[in-house]
Amino acid sequence: MKEIQFKDTKPTLSALVDWAVAGEPTVIIRNGRKEAVLVSFEEWTRVSKVPSFADLLLAFPGEPSDIPEQRRKPVRTLRKPL
């Protein structure tokens, strides 16, 4: 992954976009801190469509009997301070 100072992005933006489209993201550094990443729109679309945990559970291919029963421990009661 390439890194570039923010001040140097304007004259090289066309090349940076070409690299991103070719699959090589670029980290943009401003004031010594990594501030942004330039990636292709295709890559951004791919990583931004992460399914929710509920969607993952709903997509489980097994039967409910495939999931082991949960063993619940009794709730601890707090003792009153002396």
N, C-alpha and C. Protein backbone atom coordinates (compact mmCIF):
# COMPACT_ATOMS: atom_id res chain seq x y z
N MET A 1 0.85 -1.17 0.00
CA MET A 1 0.00 0.00 0.00
C MET A 1 0.90 1.23 0.00
N LYS A 2 0.63 2.11 -0.91
CA LYS A 2 1.42 3.34 -1.02
C LYS A 2 0.97 4.34 0.04
N GLU A 3 1.88 5.21 0.42
CA GLU A 3 1.56 6.31 1.32
C GLU A 3 2.03 7.60 0.67
N ILE A 4 1.24 8.67 0.85
CA ILE A 4 1.58 9.95 0.24
C ILE A 4 1.15 11.07 1.19
N GLN A 5 1.94 12.13 1.22
CA GLN A 5 1.60 13.30 2.01
C GLN A 5 0.43 14.03 1.33
N PHE A 6 -0.47 14.57 2.13
CA PHE A 6 -1.64 15.26 1.61
C PHE A 6 -1.26 16.36 0.63
N LYS A 7 -0.22 17.09 0.96
CA LYS A 7 0.20 18.22 0.11
C LYS A 7 0.65 17.76 -1.28
N ASP A 8 1.01 16.49 -1.40
CA ASP A 8 1.49 15.96 -2.68
C ASP A 8 0.39 15.27 -3.50
N THR A 9 -0.84 15.27 -3.02
CA THR A 9 -1.89 14.54 -3.72
C THR A 9 -2.44 15.29 -4.94
N LYS A 10 -2.50 16.61 -4.88
CA LYS A 10 -3.11 17.36 -5.97
C LYS A 10 -2.41 17.16 -7.31
N PRO A 11 -1.09 17.28 -7.37
CA PRO A 11 -0.45 17.10 -8.68
C PRO A 11 -0.44 15.65 -9.16
N THR A 12 -0.66 14.70 -8.28
CA THR A 12 -0.59 13.29 -8.67
C THR A 12 -1.93 12.57 -8.56
N LEU A 13 -3.02 13.33 -8.43
CA LEU A 13 -4.33 12.71 -8.20
C LEU A 13 -4.71 11.73 -9.31
N SER A 14 -4.46 12.08 -10.54
CA SER A 14 -4.80 11.20 -11.66
C SER A 14 -4.08 9.85 -11.53
N ALA A 15 -2.81 9.89 -11.19
CA ALA A 15 -2.04 8.65 -11.01
C ALA A 15 -2.54 7.87 -9.81
N LEU A 16 -2.88 8.57 -8.74
CA LEU A 16 -3.40 7.90 -7.54
C LEU A 16 -4.70 7.16 -7.85
N VAL A 17 -5.57 7.80 -8.62
CA VAL A 17 -6.83 7.16 -9.00
C VAL A 17 -6.55 5.95 -9.89
N ASP A 18 -5.63 6.07 -10.81
CA ASP A 18 -5.26 4.93 -11.66
C ASP A 18 -4.76 3.76 -10.83
N TRP A 19 -3.92 4.05 -9.82
CA TRP A 19 -3.42 2.99 -8.95
C TRP A 19 -4.56 2.34 -8.16
N ALA A 20 -5.49 3.16 -7.68
CA ALA A 20 -6.61 2.62 -6.91
C ALA A 20 -7.47 1.71 -7.79
N VAL A 21 -7.74 2.12 -9.02
CA VAL A 21 -8.53 1.30 -9.94
C VAL A 21 -7.79 0.01 -10.27
N ALA A 22 -6.47 0.05 -10.30
CA ALA A 22 -5.66 -1.14 -10.57
C ALA A 22 -5.54 -2.04 -9.34
N GLY A 23 -6.12 -1.62 -8.22
CA GLY A 23 -6.11 -2.47 -7.03
C GLY A 23 -5.07 -2.10 -5.99
N GLU A 24 -4.41 -0.97 -6.16
CA GLU A 24 -3.40 -0.53 -5.20
C GLU A 24 -3.89 0.70 -4.45
N PRO A 25 -4.38 0.52 -3.21
CA PRO A 25 -4.86 1.67 -2.44
C PRO A 25 -3.70 2.56 -1.99
N THR A 26 -4.02 3.80 -1.67
CA THR A 26 -3.02 4.76 -1.21
C THR A 26 -3.50 5.39 0.09
N VAL A 27 -2.62 5.39 1.09
CA VAL A 27 -2.90 6.05 2.36
C VAL A 27 -2.48 7.50 2.23
N ILE A 28 -3.35 8.41 2.64
CA ILE A 28 -3.04 9.84 2.58
C ILE A 28 -2.71 10.31 4.00
N ILE A 29 -1.53 10.90 4.14
CA ILE A 29 -1.02 11.32 5.44
C ILE A 29 -1.08 12.84 5.53
N ARG A 30 -1.65 13.34 6.62
CA ARG A 30 -1.72 14.79 6.85
C ARG A 30 -1.22 15.07 8.26
N ASN A 31 -0.30 15.96 8.38
CA ASN A 31 0.30 16.33 9.67
C ASN A 31 0.83 15.10 10.41
N GLY A 32 1.43 14.17 9.66
CA GLY A 32 2.03 13.00 10.27
C GLY A 32 1.07 11.90 10.67
N ARG A 33 -0.22 12.09 10.40
CA ARG A 33 -1.22 11.08 10.78
C ARG A 33 -1.89 10.51 9.54
N LYS A 34 -2.16 9.22 9.55
CA LYS A 34 -2.89 8.59 8.45
C LYS A 34 -4.34 9.04 8.55
N GLU A 35 -4.80 9.77 7.53
CA GLU A 35 -6.12 10.40 7.57
C GLU A 35 -7.15 9.73 6.66
N ALA A 36 -6.72 9.19 5.52
CA ALA A 36 -7.68 8.65 4.56
C ALA A 36 -7.00 7.59 3.70
N VAL A 37 -7.84 6.81 3.02
CA VAL A 37 -7.33 5.81 2.07
C VAL A 37 -8.09 5.98 0.77
N LEU A 38 -7.36 6.04 -0.32
CA LEU A 38 -7.96 6.13 -1.65
C LEU A 38 -8.03 4.73 -2.23
N VAL A 39 -9.25 4.23 -2.43
CA VAL A 39 -9.46 2.90 -3.03
C VAL A 39 -10.41 3.05 -4.21
N SER A 40 -10.47 2.01 -5.03
CA SER A 40 -11.39 2.05 -6.17
C SER A 40 -12.83 1.98 -5.67
N PHE A 41 -13.74 2.46 -6.49
CA PHE A 41 -15.16 2.41 -6.13
C PHE A 41 -15.61 0.96 -5.97
N GLU A 42 -15.10 0.09 -6.80
CA GLU A 42 -15.44 -1.34 -6.72
C GLU A 42 -15.02 -1.90 -5.35
N GLU A 43 -13.82 -1.57 -4.90
CA GLU A 43 -13.34 -2.06 -3.60
C GLU A 43 -14.16 -1.47 -2.46
N TRP A 44 -14.45 -0.19 -2.54
CA TRP A 44 -15.25 0.46 -1.51
C TRP A 44 -16.64 -0.17 -1.43
N THR A 45 -17.26 -0.45 -2.58
CA THR A 45 -18.57 -1.09 -2.60
C THR A 45 -18.50 -2.47 -1.96
N ARG A 46 -17.43 -3.21 -2.25
CA ARG A 46 -17.29 -4.56 -1.70
C ARG A 46 -17.17 -4.54 -0.17
N VAL A 47 -16.34 -3.66 0.35
CA VAL A 47 -16.12 -3.66 1.80
C VAL A 47 -17.22 -2.93 2.56
N SER A 48 -18.00 -2.12 1.90
CA SER A 48 -19.06 -1.39 2.61
C SER A 48 -20.34 -2.20 2.76
N LYS A 49 -20.41 -3.33 2.10
CA LYS A 49 -21.61 -4.16 2.18
C LYS A 49 -21.40 -5.35 3.12
N VAL A 50 -20.98 -5.07 4.32
CA VAL A 50 -20.77 -6.11 5.32
C VAL A 50 -22.14 -6.45 5.92
N PRO A 51 -22.51 -7.74 5.95
CA PRO A 51 -23.82 -8.09 6.49
C PRO A 51 -23.87 -7.87 8.00
N SER A 52 -25.06 -7.58 8.49
CA SER A 52 -25.22 -7.41 9.93
C SER A 52 -25.17 -8.78 10.61
N PHE A 53 -24.97 -8.79 11.90
CA PHE A 53 -24.93 -10.04 12.65
C PHE A 53 -26.26 -10.77 12.53
N ALA A 54 -27.36 -10.02 12.54
CA ALA A 54 -28.69 -10.63 12.40
C ALA A 54 -28.82 -11.31 11.03
N ASP A 55 -28.33 -10.67 9.97
CA ASP A 55 -28.39 -11.29 8.64
C ASP A 55 -27.57 -12.57 8.59
N LEU A 56 -26.41 -12.57 9.26
CA LEU A 56 -25.59 -13.77 9.30
C LEU A 56 -26.32 -14.90 10.04
N LEU A 57 -26.97 -14.58 11.14
CA LEU A 57 -27.71 -15.60 11.88
C LEU A 57 -28.88 -16.14 11.06
N LEU A 58 -29.58 -15.24 10.38
CA LEU A 58 -30.72 -15.67 9.56
C LEU A 58 -30.28 -16.54 8.38
N ALA A 59 -29.05 -16.38 7.94
CA ALA A 59 -28.54 -17.15 6.81
C ALA A 59 -27.94 -18.48 7.23
N PHE A 60 -27.98 -18.81 8.52
CA PHE A 60 -27.41 -20.07 9.01
C PHE A 60 -28.09 -21.23 8.30
N PRO A 61 -27.31 -22.11 7.63
CA PRO A 61 -27.91 -23.16 6.81
C PRO A 61 -28.41 -24.37 7.60
N GLY A 62 -28.08 -24.48 8.86
CA GLY A 62 -28.45 -25.66 9.63
C GLY A 62 -29.85 -25.59 10.21
N GLU A 63 -30.14 -26.60 10.98
CA GLU A 63 -31.42 -26.69 11.68
C GLU A 63 -31.24 -26.15 13.09
N PRO A 64 -32.31 -25.74 13.74
CA PRO A 64 -32.18 -25.27 15.12
C PRO A 64 -31.57 -26.34 16.05
N SER A 65 -31.78 -27.60 15.72
CA SER A 65 -31.22 -28.67 16.56
C SER A 65 -29.69 -28.78 16.40
N ASP A 66 -29.12 -28.14 15.39
CA ASP A 66 -27.67 -28.14 15.21
C ASP A 66 -26.96 -27.24 16.21
N ILE A 67 -27.69 -26.34 16.81
CA ILE A 67 -27.10 -25.39 17.75
C ILE A 67 -27.18 -25.98 19.16
N PRO A 68 -26.05 -26.14 19.84
CA PRO A 68 -26.10 -26.72 21.18
C PRO A 68 -26.85 -25.81 22.15
N GLU A 69 -27.49 -26.44 23.13
CA GLU A 69 -28.22 -25.65 24.12
C GLU A 69 -27.24 -24.85 24.96
N GLN A 70 -27.69 -23.70 25.34
CA GLN A 70 -26.86 -22.83 26.15
C GLN A 70 -27.04 -23.21 27.61
N ARG A 71 -25.95 -23.37 28.30
CA ARG A 71 -26.03 -23.68 29.74
C ARG A 71 -25.95 -22.37 30.49
N ARG A 72 -27.01 -22.09 31.16
CA ARG A 72 -27.06 -20.82 31.90
C ARG A 72 -26.70 -21.06 33.36
N LYS A 73 -25.77 -20.27 33.83
CA LYS A 73 -25.41 -20.34 35.23
C LYS A 73 -26.37 -19.45 36.01
N PRO A 74 -26.66 -19.81 37.26
CA PRO A 74 -27.55 -18.94 38.04
C PRO A 74 -26.92 -17.56 38.23
N VAL A 75 -27.74 -16.57 38.32
CA VAL A 75 -27.28 -15.20 38.50
C VAL A 75 -26.68 -15.06 39.89
N ARG A 76 -25.52 -14.44 39.95
CA ARG A 76 -24.88 -14.23 41.25
C ARG A 76 -25.60 -13.12 41.99
N THR A 77 -25.79 -13.32 43.26
CA THR A 77 -26.38 -12.25 44.07
C THR A 77 -25.26 -11.54 44.82
N LEU A 78 -25.36 -10.27 44.90
CA LEU A 78 -24.34 -9.48 45.58
C LEU A 78 -24.62 -9.44 47.08
N ARG A 79 -23.57 -9.59 47.84
CA ARG A 79 -23.73 -9.50 49.29
C ARG A 79 -23.72 -8.03 49.68
N LYS A 80 -24.48 -7.73 50.69
CA LYS A 80 -24.51 -6.37 51.21
C LYS A 80 -23.23 -6.11 51.99
N PRO A 81 -22.65 -4.94 51.84
CA PRO A 81 -21.43 -4.64 52.60
C PRO A 81 -21.74 -4.58 54.09
N LEU A 82 -20.77 -4.97 54.89
CA LEU A 82 -20.94 -4.94 56.34
C LEU A 82 -20.82 -3.56 56.91
